[in-house]
Amino acid sequence: PVSDPGANVCSVKMTDHMSS
């Protein structure tokens, strides 16, 4: 969530791996 930047980064990294 917006309150947890760490979780957001994790989500982005996961999406990046899936997109790749």
C-alpha atoms as a PDB file:
ATOM      1  CA  PRO A   1       0.000   0.000   0.000  1.00  0.00           C
ATOM      2  CA  VAL A   2       0.916   3.675  -0.177  1.00  0.00           C
ATOM      3  CA  SER A   3       1.844   3.531   3.517  1.00  0.00           C
ATOM      4  CA  ASP A   4       4.333   0.720   2.821  1.00  0.00           C
ATOM      5  CA  PRO A   5       6.830   1.758   0.112  1.00  0.00           C
ATOM      6  CA  GLY A   6       8.776  -1.454   0.716  1.00  0.00           C
ATOM      7  CA  ALA A   7       5.789  -3.600  -0.266  1.00  0.00           C
ATOM      8  CA  ASN A   8       5.215  -1.426  -3.332  1.00  0.00           C
ATOM      9  CA  VAL A   9       8.804  -1.966  -4.461  1.00  0.00           C
ATOM     10  CA  CYS A  10       8.412  -5.720  -3.993  1.00  0.00           C
ATOM     11  CA  SER A  11       5.274  -5.669  -6.133  1.00  0.00           C
ATOM     12  CA  VAL A  12       7.012  -3.663  -8.840  1.00  0.00           C
ATOM     13  CA  LYS A  13       9.968  -6.058  -8.854  1.00  0.00           C
ATOM     14  CA  MET A  14       7.636  -9.055  -9.124  1.00  0.00           C
ATOM     15  CA  THR A  15       5.740  -7.433 -11.998  1.00  0.00           C
ATOM     16  CA  ASP A  16       9.008  -6.575 -13.732  1.00  0.00           C
ATOM     17  CA  HIS A  17      10.130 -10.211 -13.549  1.00  0.00           C
ATOM     18  CA  MET A  18       6.777 -11.427 -14.843  1.00  0.00           C
ATOM     19  CA  SER A  19       6.767  -8.841 -17.639  1.00  0.00           C
ATOM     20  CA  SER A  20      10.298  -9.798 -18.653  1.00  0.00           C
END
